[in-house]
Amino acid sequence: MTDSKLGRLGDTLFALFHLALIAAIIVYAFVSLVQGNTWRFLVMLCGLTIYYFLVLDKPVRAEFERRRRLRGQPPSRRF
């Protein structure tokens, strides 16, 4: 494998790990809510919201903009 493929693979694994971790936290928060622990649910929900705005908001907006620009190009230039 070349360095760029390893870099992409590492980025993908990093993203999948964080996605799985966030999904597990969300599931745990809802389990806490069902068990009647509303404060734990609210703290976890607030923590995830803060994490989104501090870490994920800028890259997500950049990806939306990139995809919006790609829609305007001919299909042969997308890759």
C-alpha atoms as a PDB file:
ATOM      1  CA  MET A   1       0.000   0.000   0.000  1.00  0.00           C
ATOM      2  CA  THR A   2       1.133   3.517  -0.649  1.00  0.00           C
ATOM      3  CA  ASP A   3       1.267   6.183   2.032  1.00  0.00           C
ATOM      4  CA  SER A   4      -1.852   7.940   0.758  1.00  0.00           C
ATOM      5  CA  LYS A   5      -3.878   4.721   0.902  1.00  0.00           C
ATOM      6  CA  LEU A   6      -2.647   4.075   4.440  1.00  0.00           C
ATOM      7  CA  GLY A   7      -3.566   7.630   5.348  1.00  0.00           C
ATOM      8  CA  ARG A   8      -7.050   7.233   3.957  1.00  0.00           C
ATOM      9  CA  LEU A   9      -7.424   3.886   5.708  1.00  0.00           C
ATOM     10  CA  GLY A  10      -6.295   5.450   8.980  1.00  0.00           C
ATOM     11  CA  ASP A  11      -8.725   8.340   8.538  1.00  0.00           C
ATOM     12  CA  THR A  12     -11.540   5.903   7.808  1.00  0.00           C
ATOM     13  CA  LEU A  13     -10.740   3.737  10.836  1.00  0.00           C
ATOM     14  CA  PHE A  14     -10.505   6.844  13.022  1.00  0.00           C
ATOM     15  CA  ALA A  15     -13.900   8.066  11.782  1.00  0.00           C
ATOM     16  CA  LEU A  16     -15.553   4.659  12.222  1.00  0.00           C
ATOM     17  CA  PHE A  17     -14.152   4.313  15.742  1.00  0.00           C
ATOM     18  CA  HIS A  18     -15.526   7.723  16.724  1.00  0.00           C
ATOM     19  CA  LEU A  19     -18.874   6.997  15.075  1.00  0.00           C
ATOM     20  CA  ALA A  20     -19.179   3.737  17.028  1.00  0.00           C
ATOM     21  CA  LEU A  21     -18.167   5.505  20.239  1.00  0.00           C
ATOM     22  CA  ILE A  22     -20.718   8.275  19.752  1.00  0.00           C
ATOM     23  CA  ALA A  23     -23.439   5.723  18.911  1.00  0.00           C
ATOM     24  CA  ALA A  24     -22.618   3.775  22.092  1.00  0.00           C
ATOM     25  CA  ILE A  25     -22.803   6.961  24.186  1.00  0.00           C
ATOM     26  CA  ILE A  26     -26.187   7.825  22.649  1.00  0.00           C
ATOM     27  CA  VAL A  27     -27.525   4.322  23.341  1.00  0.00           C
ATOM     28  CA  TYR A  28     -26.214   4.473  26.913  1.00  0.00           C
ATOM     29  CA  ALA A  29     -27.825   7.883  27.391  1.00  0.00           C
ATOM     30  CA  PHE A  30     -31.214   6.591  26.246  1.00  0.00           C
ATOM     31  CA  VAL A  31     -30.891   3.496  28.430  1.00  0.00           C
ATOM     32  CA  SER A  32     -30.240   5.846  31.355  1.00  0.00           C
ATOM     33  CA  LEU A  33     -33.315   7.854  30.407  1.00  0.00           C
ATOM     34  CA  VAL A  34     -35.495   4.730  30.281  1.00  0.00           C
ATOM     35  CA  GLN A  35     -34.173   3.707  33.699  1.00  0.00           C
ATOM     36  CA  GLY A  36     -35.272   7.088  35.039  1.00  0.00           C
ATOM     37  CA  ASN A  37     -31.898   8.801  35.319  1.00  0.00           C
ATOM     38  CA  THR A  38     -32.776  12.025  33.540  1.00  0.00           C
ATOM     39  CA  TRP A  39     -29.776  13.985  34.797  1.00  0.00           C
ATOM     40  CA  ARG A  40     -27.324  11.470  33.327  1.00  0.00           C
ATOM     41  CA  PHE A  41     -29.213  11.617  30.020  1.00  0.00           C
ATOM     42  CA  LEU A  42     -29.134  15.432  29.956  1.00  0.00           C
ATOM     43  CA  VAL A  43     -25.436  15.606  30.880  1.00  0.00           C
ATOM     44  CA  MET A  44     -24.518  13.119  28.155  1.00  0.00           C
ATOM     45  CA  LEU A  45     -26.706  14.892  25.617  1.00  0.00           C
ATOM     46  CA  CYS A  46     -25.156  18.267  26.488  1.00  0.00           C
ATOM     47  CA  GLY A  47     -21.678  16.737  26.279  1.00  0.00           C
ATOM     48  CA  LEU A  48     -22.371  15.314  22.826  1.00  0.00           C
ATOM     49  CA  THR A  49     -23.776  18.646  21.665  1.00  0.00           C
ATOM     50  CA  ILE A  50     -20.682  20.493  22.888  1.00  0.00           C
ATOM     51  CA  TYR A  51     -18.450  17.853  21.234  1.00  0.00           C
ATOM     52  CA  TYR A  52     -20.286  18.330  17.951  1.00  0.00           C
ATOM     53  CA  PHE A  53     -19.865  22.095  17.911  1.00  0.00           C
ATOM     54  CA  LEU A  54     -16.250  22.071  19.126  1.00  0.00           C
ATOM     55  CA  VAL A  55     -14.958  19.211  16.966  1.00  0.00           C
ATOM     56  CA  LEU A  56     -17.322  18.232  14.166  1.00  0.00           C
ATOM     57  CA  ASP A  57     -19.218  21.320  13.043  1.00  0.00           C
ATOM     58  CA  LYS A  58     -16.514  22.876  10.844  1.00  0.00           C
ATOM     59  CA  PRO A  59     -15.570  19.637   8.974  1.00  0.00           C
ATOM     60  CA  VAL A  60     -19.239  18.725   8.470  1.00  0.00           C
ATOM     61  CA  ARG A  61     -20.000  22.135   6.976  1.00  0.00           C
ATOM     62  CA  ALA A  62     -16.907  21.878   4.743  1.00  0.00           C
ATOM     63  CA  GLU A  63     -18.031  18.457   3.497  1.00  0.00           C
ATOM     64  CA  PHE A  64     -21.533  19.769   2.752  1.00  0.00           C
ATOM     65  CA  GLU A  65     -20.015  22.644   0.779  1.00  0.00           C
ATOM     66  CA  ARG A  66     -17.666  20.288  -1.096  1.00  0.00           C
ATOM     67  CA  ARG A  67     -20.566  18.029  -2.093  1.00  0.00           C
ATOM     68  CA  ARG A  68     -22.644  21.043  -3.117  1.00  0.00           C
ATOM     69  CA  ARG A  69     -19.812  22.183  -5.422  1.00  0.00           C
ATOM     70  CA  LEU A  70     -19.435  18.671  -6.871  1.00  0.00           C
ATOM     71  CA  ARG A  71     -23.108  18.561  -7.873  1.00  0.00           C
ATOM     72  CA  GLY A  72     -22.543  21.500 -10.180  1.00  0.00           C
ATOM     73  CA  GLN A  73     -19.661  19.802 -12.050  1.00  0.00           C
ATOM     74  CA  PRO A  74     -19.958  17.246 -14.847  1.00  0.00           C
ATOM     75  CA  PRO A  75     -19.818  13.627 -13.565  1.00  0.00           C
ATOM     76  CA  SER A  76     -16.419  12.932 -15.151  1.00  0.00           C
ATOM     77  CA  ARG A  77     -14.691  15.559 -12.973  1.00  0.00           C
ATOM     78  CA  ARG A  78     -16.015  14.302  -9.626  1.00  0.00           C
ATOM     79  CA  PHE A  79     -13.121  11.970  -8.885  1.00  0.00           C
END
